[in-house]
C-alpha atoms as a PDB file:
ATOM      1  CA  MET A   1       0.009  -0.111  -0.072  1.00  0.00           C
ATOM      2  CA  PRO A   2       1.279   3.168  -1.055  1.00  0.00           C
ATOM      3  CA  LEU A   3       2.467   6.146   1.631  1.00  0.00           C
ATOM      4  CA  LEU A   4       0.484   8.623  -0.456  1.00  0.00           C
ATOM      5  CA  SER A   5      -2.549   7.955  -2.699  1.00  0.00           C
ATOM      6  CA  GLY A   6      -4.422   9.659  -5.497  1.00  0.00           C
ATOM      7  CA  GLN A   7      -4.351  13.603  -5.692  1.00  0.00           C
ATOM      8  CA  LYS A   8      -1.615  13.461  -2.599  1.00  0.00           C
ATOM      9  CA  ARG A   9       0.594  11.913  -4.363  1.00  0.00           C
ATOM     10  CA  ILE A  10       0.269  14.385  -7.122  1.00  0.00           C
ATOM     11  CA  ARG A  11       0.499  17.198  -4.936  1.00  0.00           C
ATOM     12  CA  PHE A  12       3.736  16.032  -3.432  1.00  0.00           C
ATOM     13  CA  SER A  13       5.210  15.073  -6.680  1.00  0.00           C
ATOM     14  CA  LEU A  14       4.556  18.728  -7.857  1.00  0.00           C
ATOM     15  CA  ARG A  15       6.125  20.301  -4.848  1.00  0.00           C
ATOM     16  CA  LEU A  16       9.092  18.273  -4.916  1.00  0.00           C
ATOM     17  CA  CYS A  17       9.838  18.996  -8.667  1.00  0.00           C
ATOM     18  CA  VAL A  18       9.124  22.913  -7.571  1.00  0.00           C
ATOM     19  CA  PHE A  19      11.827  22.365  -4.670  1.00  0.00           C
ATOM     20  CA  VAL A  20      14.471  20.793  -7.202  1.00  0.00           C
ATOM     21  CA  ALA A  21      14.016  23.576  -9.680  1.00  0.00           C
ATOM     22  CA  LYS A  22      14.260  26.282  -7.347  1.00  0.00           C
ATOM     23  CA  TYR A  23      17.102  24.909  -5.172  1.00  0.00           C
ATOM     24  CA  PHE A  24      19.231  22.841  -7.459  1.00  0.00           C
ATOM     25  CA  TYR A  25      18.893  24.652 -10.480  1.00  0.00           C
ATOM     26  CA  ILE A  26      21.256  23.556 -13.234  1.00  0.00           C
ATOM     27  CA  TYR A  27      22.889  25.996 -15.215  1.00  0.00           C
ATOM     28  CA  THR A  28      23.165  25.603 -18.940  1.00  0.00           C
ATOM     29  CA  MET A  29      26.215  26.041 -20.760  1.00  0.00           C
ATOM     30  CA  GLU A  30      26.189  28.494 -23.217  1.00  0.00           C
ATOM     31  CA  THR A  31      28.934  28.817 -26.149  1.00  0.00           C
ATOM     32  CA  THR A  32      29.811  31.885 -28.803  1.00  0.00           C
ATOM     33  CA  PHE A  33      32.539  31.907 -31.587  1.00  0.00           C
ATOM     34  CA  ILE A  34      34.340  34.819 -31.984  1.00  0.00           C
ATOM     35  CA  LYS A  35      36.664  35.789 -34.657  1.00  0.00           C
ATOM     36  CA  THR A  36      40.501  36.126 -33.366  1.00  0.00           C
ATOM     37  CA  PRO A  37      44.263  36.811 -34.948  1.00  0.00           C
ATOM     38  CA  LEU A  38      44.809  32.926 -34.094  1.00  0.00           C
ATOM     39  CA  GLY A  39      41.529  31.709 -35.177  1.00  0.00           C
ATOM     40  CA  THR A  40      37.911  31.246 -34.205  1.00  0.00           C
ATOM     41  CA  ALA A  41      37.733  31.537 -30.569  1.00  0.00           C
ATOM     42  CA  LYS A  42      34.947  29.012 -28.880  1.00  0.00           C
ATOM     43  CA  ILE A  43      33.956  30.358 -25.395  1.00  0.00           C
ATOM     44  CA  THR A  44      31.557  28.252 -22.867  1.00  0.00           C
ATOM     45  CA  GLY A  45      30.615  29.093 -19.718  1.00  0.00           C
ATOM     46  CA  ASP A  46      27.322  30.096 -17.840  1.00  0.00           C
ATOM     47  CA  ASP A  47      26.562  32.646 -14.861  1.00  0.00           C
ATOM     48  CA  ASN A  48      29.064  30.890 -12.884  1.00  0.00           C
ATOM     49  CA  GLY A  49      31.874  32.244 -15.005  1.00  0.00           C
ATOM     50  CA  ILE A  50      34.079  30.714 -18.429  1.00  0.00           C
ATOM     51  CA  ALA A  51      34.643  27.279 -18.217  1.00  0.00           C
ATOM     52  CA  SER A  52      36.595  26.923 -21.250  1.00  0.00           C
ATOM     53  CA  ILE A  53      38.281  29.020 -24.486  1.00  0.00           C
ATOM     54  CA  SER A  54      39.476  27.374 -26.977  1.00  0.00           C
ATOM     55  CA  ILE A  55      41.280  28.360 -30.433  1.00  0.00           C
ATOM     56  CA  LEU A  56      39.533  26.499 -33.384  1.00  0.00           C
ATOM     57  CA  GLU A  57      41.271  26.669 -37.199  1.00  0.00           C
ATOM     58  CA  GLU A  58      37.615  27.546 -38.409  1.00  0.00           C
ATOM     59  CA  GLY A  59      34.268  28.008 -37.363  1.00  0.00           C
ATOM     60  CA  THR A  60      31.048  30.006 -37.855  1.00  0.00           C
ATOM     61  CA  ILE A  61      31.070  33.246 -36.280  1.00  0.00           C
ATOM     62  CA  THR A  62      28.123  33.832 -33.468  1.00  0.00           C
ATOM     63  CA  LYS A  63      25.771  36.820 -34.345  1.00  0.00           C
ATOM     64  CA  LYS A  64      24.297  37.307 -31.430  1.00  0.00           C
ATOM     65  CA  ILE A  65      26.576  36.358 -28.134  1.00  0.00           C
ATOM     66  CA  PRO A  66      24.854  35.489 -24.768  1.00  0.00           C
ATOM     67  CA  THR A  67      24.457  37.871 -22.156  1.00  0.00           C
ATOM     68  CA  VAL A  68      26.847  35.763 -20.018  1.00  0.00           C
ATOM     69  CA  LEU A  69      29.500  35.633 -22.129  1.00  0.00           C
ATOM     70  CA  LYS A  70      29.699  38.861 -23.345  1.00  0.00           C
ATOM     71  CA  GLU A  71      32.236  40.391 -20.821  1.00  0.00           C
ATOM     72  CA  ALA A  72      34.643  37.474 -21.729  1.00  0.00           C
ATOM     73  CA  ALA A  73      34.273  37.873 -25.965  1.00  0.00           C
ATOM     74  CA  LYS A  74      34.849  41.957 -24.966  1.00  0.00           C
ATOM     75  CA  GLN A  75      37.782  41.395 -23.141  1.00  0.00           C
ATOM     76  CA  LEU A  76      39.348  38.895 -25.659  1.00  0.00           C
ATOM     77  CA  GLN A  77      38.785  41.731 -28.606  1.00  0.00           C
ATOM     78  CA  ASP A  78      40.526  44.156 -26.611  1.00  0.00           C
ATOM     79  CA  TYR A  79      43.440  41.822 -25.676  1.00  0.00           C
ATOM     80  CA  PHE A  80      44.072  41.172 -29.555  1.00  0.00           C
ATOM     81  CA  ASN A  81      43.243  45.222 -30.307  1.00  0.00           C
ATOM     82  CA  GLY A  82      46.193  45.757 -27.965  1.00  0.00           C
ATOM     83  CA  LYS A  83      44.074  47.454 -25.683  1.00  0.00           C
ATOM     84  CA  ARG A  84      44.149  45.165 -22.709  1.00  0.00           C
ATOM     85  CA  THR A  85      46.705  43.156 -20.951  1.00  0.00           C
ATOM     86  CA  ASN A  86      44.482  41.334 -18.109  1.00  0.00           C
ATOM     87  CA  PHE A  87      41.482  39.910 -17.738  1.00  0.00           C
ATOM     88  CA  ASP A  88      39.273  40.176 -15.072  1.00  0.00           C
ATOM     89  CA  PHE A  89      35.620  38.069 -16.303  1.00  0.00           C
ATOM     90  CA  LYS A  90      34.691  35.580 -13.871  1.00  0.00           C
ATOM     91  CA  ILE A  91      36.021  32.050 -14.469  1.00  0.00           C
ATOM     92  CA  ASN A  92      35.358  28.294 -13.518  1.00  0.00           C
ATOM     93  CA  PRO A  93      37.467  26.065 -15.396  1.00  0.00           C
ATOM     94  CA  GLN A  94      36.333  22.376 -15.149  1.00  0.00           C
ATOM     95  CA  GLY A  95      39.248  20.043 -14.219  1.00  0.00           C
ATOM     96  CA  THR A  96      40.771  18.000 -11.578  1.00  0.00           C
ATOM     97  CA  GLU A  97      42.311  19.230  -8.490  1.00  0.00           C
ATOM     98  CA  PHE A  98      45.664  19.287  -9.989  1.00  0.00           C
ATOM     99  CA  GLN A  99      44.656  21.190 -12.707  1.00  0.00           C
ATOM    100  CA  GLN A 100      42.814  23.864 -10.989  1.00  0.00           C
ATOM    101  CA  LYS A 101      46.348  24.185  -8.895  1.00  0.00           C
ATOM    102  CA  VAL A 102      47.949  24.309 -12.262  1.00  0.00           C
ATOM    103  CA  TRP A 103      45.646  27.114 -13.480  1.00  0.00           C
ATOM    104  CA  GLN A 104      45.831  28.706 -10.513  1.00  0.00           C
ATOM    105  CA  ALA A 105      49.798  29.124 -10.381  1.00  0.00           C
ATOM    106  CA  LEU A 106      49.343  30.429 -14.518  1.00  0.00           C
ATOM    107  CA  LEU A 107      47.093  33.112 -13.008  1.00  0.00           C
ATOM    108  CA  GLU A 108      49.934  34.363 -10.802  1.00  0.00           C
ATOM    109  CA  ILE A 109      52.475  34.957 -13.706  1.00  0.00           C
ATOM    110  CA  PRO A 110      52.440  38.641 -14.592  1.00  0.00           C
ATOM    111  CA  PHE A 111      51.806  39.915 -18.165  1.00  0.00           C
ATOM    112  CA  GLY A 112      54.628  39.336 -20.699  1.00  0.00           C
ATOM    113  CA  LYS A 113      56.884  37.098 -17.974  1.00  0.00           C
ATOM    114  CA  THR A 114      58.016  33.814 -18.421  1.00  0.00           C
ATOM    115  CA  CYS A 115      58.462  31.032 -15.826  1.00  0.00           C
ATOM    116  CA  SER A 116      59.848  27.716 -15.688  1.00  0.00           C
END
């Protein structure tokens, strides 16, 4: 015999769905493609930040850049136009703990410097 029956079960299911949607919202990754001197840059991210930027040999340039990616796209264009040497858009790279540590260490290297 079920704990809840009929309408009570339906109401419980609906409340559970609303709870999950409200408190466990899963962000959808957005993607855009912009033209750079290196090739087509693919920028992927969501409200949590930019997850990846990769350079492709070719690709279709996006006509309308998603809102969550606009700042990163603008800053990359500024960099390639010689107007920027640092970036301050939000990042959220996905990787192992080791990869996260390496990426954090790379952020400490000043513009124009090399390190080994």
